[in-house]
Protein backbone atom coordinates (compact mmCIF):
# COMPACT_ATOMS: atom_id res chain seq x y z
CA MET A 1 -0.02 0.13 0.03
CA ASN A 2 1.29 3.34 -0.93
CA THR A 3 1.55 5.70 1.96
CA VAL A 4 2.98 8.66 0.40
CA ALA A 5 0.65 11.45 0.13
CA PRO A 6 -0.06 13.02 -3.34
CA LYS A 7 2.03 16.26 -4.30
CA SER A 8 -0.52 19.28 -4.09
CA ARG A 9 -0.93 21.04 -7.37
CA THR A 10 -2.45 24.07 -5.87
CA PRO A 11 0.78 25.76 -5.40
CA TRP A 12 1.36 25.25 -9.13
CA PHE A 13 -1.99 26.88 -9.59
CA MET A 14 -1.23 29.84 -7.46
CA LEU A 15 2.23 29.98 -9.16
CA PHE A 16 0.55 31.38 -12.24
CA SER A 17 -2.67 32.94 -10.88
CA ARG A 18 -1.88 36.59 -10.47
CA LEU A 19 -0.18 36.61 -14.03
CA LEU A 20 -3.40 35.32 -15.41
CA LEU A 21 -5.76 37.22 -13.41
CA PHE A 22 -4.17 40.36 -14.32
CA ALA A 23 -4.43 39.58 -18.08
CA SER A 24 -8.03 38.30 -17.30
CA ILE A 25 -9.37 41.21 -15.86
CA GLN A 26 -7.83 43.89 -17.69
CA ALA A 27 -9.49 42.00 -20.84
CA ILE A 28 -12.73 42.20 -19.01
CA PHE A 29 -11.93 45.93 -18.44
CA ALA A 30 -11.38 46.25 -22.13
CA LEU A 31 -14.83 44.45 -23.11
CA VAL A 32 -16.80 46.64 -20.96
CA PHE A 33 -15.19 49.54 -22.77
CA TYR A 34 -15.56 48.08 -26.09
CA LEU A 35 -19.42 47.71 -25.50
CA ALA A 36 -19.56 51.21 -24.02
CA GLY A 37 -18.24 52.43 -27.66
CA SER A 38 -14.71 52.91 -26.97
CA SER A 39 -12.71 53.17 -30.25
CA ASN A 40 -9.60 51.89 -28.52
CA SER A 41 -10.73 49.74 -25.53
CA TRP A 42 -7.59 47.82 -25.00
CA GLU A 43 -5.54 50.90 -24.73
CA THR A 44 -8.35 52.64 -22.19
CA SER A 45 -8.44 49.38 -20.12
CA ALA A 46 -4.43 49.73 -19.62
CA ASN A 47 -5.19 52.93 -17.94
CA TRP A 48 -6.94 51.03 -15.07
CA TRP A 49 -4.31 48.77 -14.30
CA PRO A 50 -4.00 49.79 -10.58
CA MET A 51 -7.90 48.61 -10.23
CA VAL A 52 -7.07 45.48 -12.15
CA VAL A 53 -4.09 44.69 -9.42
CA VAL A 54 -6.66 45.68 -6.51
CA ILE A 55 -9.25 43.08 -7.73
CA THR A 56 -6.64 40.42 -8.50
CA ASN A 57 -5.13 40.92 -4.66
CA LEU A 58 -8.63 40.52 -3.28
CA LEU A 59 -9.36 37.38 -5.27
CA CYS A 60 -5.81 35.97 -4.14
CA VAL A 61 -6.65 36.85 -0.51
CA GLY A 62 -9.92 35.15 -0.70
CA LEU A 63 -7.95 31.99 -2.29
CA LEU A 64 -5.26 31.98 0.25
CA VAL A 65 -7.67 32.14 3.31
CA GLN A 66 -9.37 29.12 2.02
CA ILE A 67 -6.01 27.41 1.16
CA PHE A 68 -4.68 28.15 4.46
CA GLN A 69 -7.88 26.89 6.27
CA LEU A 70 -7.65 23.57 4.56
CA LYS A 71 -4.22 23.23 6.01
CA GLY A 72 -5.66 23.89 9.63
CA LYS A 73 -3.85 27.54 9.59
CA ARG A 74 -4.82 30.93 9.60
CA TYR A 75 -3.72 33.24 6.57
CA TRP A 76 -3.26 36.42 8.63
CA ASP A 77 -0.96 34.55 10.90
CA ILE A 78 1.72 34.95 8.70
CA PHE A 79 1.66 38.71 9.32
CA ARG A 80 2.38 38.52 12.87
CA PHE A 81 5.78 39.89 14.51
CA ASP A 82 7.92 37.35 16.44
CA ARG A 83 8.15 39.31 19.58
CA GLN A 84 10.78 37.06 21.01
CA HIS A 85 13.02 38.08 17.96
CA ILE A 86 11.66 41.59 17.45
CA LYS A 87 14.92 43.62 18.16
CA GLY A 88 17.41 41.07 16.05
CA ASP A 89 14.86 40.95 13.49
CA LEU A 90 14.54 44.85 13.19
CA LEU A 91 18.14 45.34 12.91
CA THR A 92 18.57 42.48 10.50
CA PHE A 93 15.72 44.04 8.09
CA LEU A 94 17.57 47.60 8.48
CA GLY A 95 20.58 45.99 7.14
CA ILE A 96 18.86 44.39 4.20
CA THR A 97 17.28 47.32 3.21
CA VAL A 98 20.77 48.85 2.52
CA LEU A 99 20.99 46.14 0.03
CA ALA A 100 17.51 46.06 -0.89
CA ALA A 101 17.19 49.80 -2.17
CA PRO A 102 19.54 49.60 -5.16
CA VAL A 103 18.60 46.07 -5.99
CA SER A 104 14.92 47.37 -6.40
CA ILE A 105 15.54 50.84 -8.11
CA LEU A 106 18.70 50.11 -10.36
CA PRO A 107 17.26 47.28 -12.68
CA ASN A 108 14.40 49.85 -13.57
CA ILE A 109 16.68 52.70 -14.55
CA ILE A 110 19.14 50.33 -16.03
CA LEU A 111 16.66 48.44 -18.18
CA GLY A 112 14.76 51.49 -18.98
CA GLY A 113 17.64 53.25 -20.45
CA TRP A 114 18.77 50.22 -22.29
CA LEU A 115 15.45 49.46 -23.89
CA PHE A 116 13.90 53.06 -24.53
CA GLY A 117 17.00 55.10 -24.63
CA ASP A 118 15.93 57.26 -21.35
CA SER A 119 14.45 55.68 -18.26
CA ASN A 120 11.94 58.39 -17.87
CA ALA A 121 10.60 57.40 -21.30
CA THR A 122 8.51 54.55 -19.31
CA LEU A 123 6.77 56.73 -17.11
CA GLY A 124 3.95 57.73 -19.70
CA LEU A 125 3.43 54.33 -20.37
CA PHE A 126 3.10 53.31 -16.74
CA VAL A 127 1.49 56.19 -14.94
CA ARG A 128 -1.70 56.74 -16.96
CA PRO A 129 -4.46 58.89 -16.67
CA LEU A 130 -7.39 58.11 -14.28
CA PRO A 131 -10.46 60.15 -12.53
CA PHE A 132 -9.35 61.58 -9.31
CA TRP A 133 -11.78 59.25 -7.52
CA ALA A 134 -10.09 56.31 -9.05
CA VAL A 135 -6.49 57.93 -7.92
CA TYR A 136 -7.37 58.28 -4.60
CA ALA A 137 -8.85 54.55 -4.16
CA THR A 138 -5.69 53.55 -5.83
CA ILE A 139 -3.44 55.49 -3.09
CA ILE A 140 -5.30 53.57 -0.31
CA LEU A 141 -6.38 50.25 -2.06
CA PHE A 142 -3.49 49.32 -4.39
CA PRO A 143 -0.56 49.61 -1.48
CA LEU A 144 -2.68 47.82 1.20
CA SER A 145 -3.73 44.96 -1.16
CA GLN A 146 -0.07 44.63 -2.54
CA GLY A 147 1.13 44.19 0.80
CA MET A 148 -1.10 41.51 2.08
CA THR A 149 -1.10 39.20 -1.13
CA GLU A 150 1.94 39.52 -3.38
CA ILE A 151 5.21 38.73 -1.43
CA ALA A 152 3.09 36.39 0.64
CA THR A 153 1.58 34.48 -1.99
CA TYR A 154 4.98 33.60 -3.61
CA PHE A 155 7.25 33.13 -0.60
CA ASN A 156 5.10 32.27 2.24
CA TYR A 157 2.88 29.95 0.37
CA ILE A 158 4.19 28.64 -2.99
CA MET A 159 8.03 28.55 -1.80
CA PRO A 160 7.44 26.73 1.62
CA SER A 161 4.49 24.11 -0.21
CA PHE A 162 7.24 23.58 -3.03
CA LYS A 163 9.87 22.58 -0.33
CA GLU A 164 7.29 20.35 1.38
CA ASN A 165 6.77 18.44 -2.00
CA GLY A 166 10.12 17.86 -2.02
CA MET A 167 11.49 20.27 -4.53
CA ARG A 168 15.13 21.34 -4.04
CA PRO A 169 15.66 24.73 -2.10
CA TRP A 170 17.19 26.64 -4.78
CA LEU A 171 14.50 25.47 -7.28
CA ALA A 172 11.67 26.52 -4.66
CA ILE A 173 13.32 29.79 -4.27
CA SER A 174 13.74 30.45 -7.99
CA LEU A 175 10.44 29.58 -9.44
CA PRO A 176 8.47 32.13 -7.09
CA ALA A 177 10.99 34.81 -7.57
CA LEU A 178 10.74 34.64 -11.35
CA MET A 179 7.00 34.37 -11.47
CA LEU A 180 6.75 37.49 -8.89
CA GLY A 181 9.00 39.28 -11.66
CA PHE A 182 7.29 38.23 -14.69
CA GLN A 183 3.78 38.78 -13.54
CA HIS A 184 4.32 42.36 -14.07
CA ILE A 185 4.39 41.96 -17.92
CA ALA A 186 0.42 42.14 -17.51
CA VAL A 187 0.56 45.21 -15.03
CA PRO A 188 -0.53 46.68 -17.49
CA LEU A 189 -0.49 44.40 -20.30
CA LEU A 190 0.56 46.33 -23.43
CA PHE A 191 1.74 44.62 -26.66
CA ASP A 192 4.74 46.52 -26.72
CA VAL A 193 8.16 44.14 -26.63
CA ARG A 194 10.38 46.69 -25.18
CA PHE A 195 7.56 47.41 -22.32
CA ILE A 196 7.21 43.81 -21.30
CA LEU A 197 11.02 43.08 -21.32
CA TRP A 198 11.21 46.02 -18.96
CA ARG A 199 8.23 45.01 -16.85
CA GLY A 200 8.83 41.38 -16.64
CA LEU A 201 12.92 41.79 -15.69
CA MET A 202 13.02 44.99 -13.55
CA TYR A 203 12.01 43.04 -10.33
CA ILE A 204 13.69 39.85 -10.79
CA PRO A 205 16.94 40.84 -8.62
CA PHE A 206 14.82 42.05 -5.92
CA ALA A 207 12.34 39.07 -6.12
CA PHE A 208 15.32 36.70 -5.49
CA LEU A 209 16.49 38.82 -2.54
CA ILE A 210 13.20 38.71 -0.86
CA GLY A 211 13.03 34.92 -1.74
CA ILE A 212 16.38 34.15 -0.19
CA VAL A 213 15.97 36.41 3.10
CA ILE A 214 12.38 34.53 3.55
CA HIS A 215 13.86 31.09 2.98
CA TRP A 216 16.40 31.90 5.50
CA ARG A 217 14.19 33.56 7.71
CA PRO A 218 10.30 33.35 7.45
CA ARG A 219 9.31 35.64 10.07
CA MET A 220 10.86 38.66 8.06
CA LEU A 221 7.74 38.95 5.95
CA PRO A 222 6.09 41.48 8.33
CA TYR A 223 8.79 43.84 7.83
CA PHE A 224 8.72 43.40 4.10
CA ALA A 225 4.97 43.82 4.16
CA ILE A 226 4.95 47.05 5.94
CA VAL A 227 7.83 48.12 3.40
CA HIS A 228 6.10 47.10 0.45
CA VAL A 229 2.85 48.88 1.53
CA LEU A 230 4.96 52.27 1.96
CA MET A 231 6.88 51.93 -1.39
CA ASN A 232 3.48 51.32 -3.46
CA MET A 233 1.73 54.18 -1.58
CA SER A 234 4.52 56.34 -2.25
CA PHE A 235 4.13 55.41 -6.15
CA ALA A 236 0.62 55.42 -6.36
CA THR A 237 0.70 59.26 -5.60
CA MET A 238 2.42 59.84 -8.74
CA PHE A 239 -1.02 59.25 -10.36
CA LEU A 240 -2.06 62.59 -8.91
CA SER A 241 0.05 64.20 -11.61
CA VAL A 242 -2.12 62.87 -14.58
CA ALA A 243 -5.50 62.54 -12.80
CA TYR A 244 -8.72 64.39 -14.12
CA TYR A 245 -12.24 65.35 -13.18
């Protein structure tokens, strides 16, 4: 009798879920604009990519809560600070941020300059006009939902699940890190090779850094989640410069 438990396919589904949801939800936005008479519905749908991300994140939260419940765990527990190690973890995280800052910023600038000739040329493709009400919603909902889902999905669910299923640690880190980076090709999804390369590659080094740190010390997640929220909130304010009534 075979007593080996079957390997779960759910982590593989979650590995690709965000990329597929981003593209699918943007397509739904495009269909709505097309039915409303838009002459360029896909381009218009791309403007709404922050809301696409928020909807995707809410769906991911629902999935993760259910998945953790089936495992007899609470999803929200992964965001609790370990009070026993909080001083040492905080000092460690401050040291990591010294490395994380250039790793998160420089690929964006270098790739933008290489692909477009000017790193600032990507701004107009990325920061798109939205009505003020949507911008205010973006400033609040976009960073909060990102902090609750993105890093947690890839490195506190998928990566540990891969390791539990017998995958080698280097591969269990690499696959989520690569997909965390590649998911951005659909945020927003534009059929421009240079933009796809820029979006798909810009976060790969940072994703590997996060994956390695959380593999080494999983209790660092709450610190990354807070910084993730603050970084995305700062970015979201850029939409105020192109907002309209």
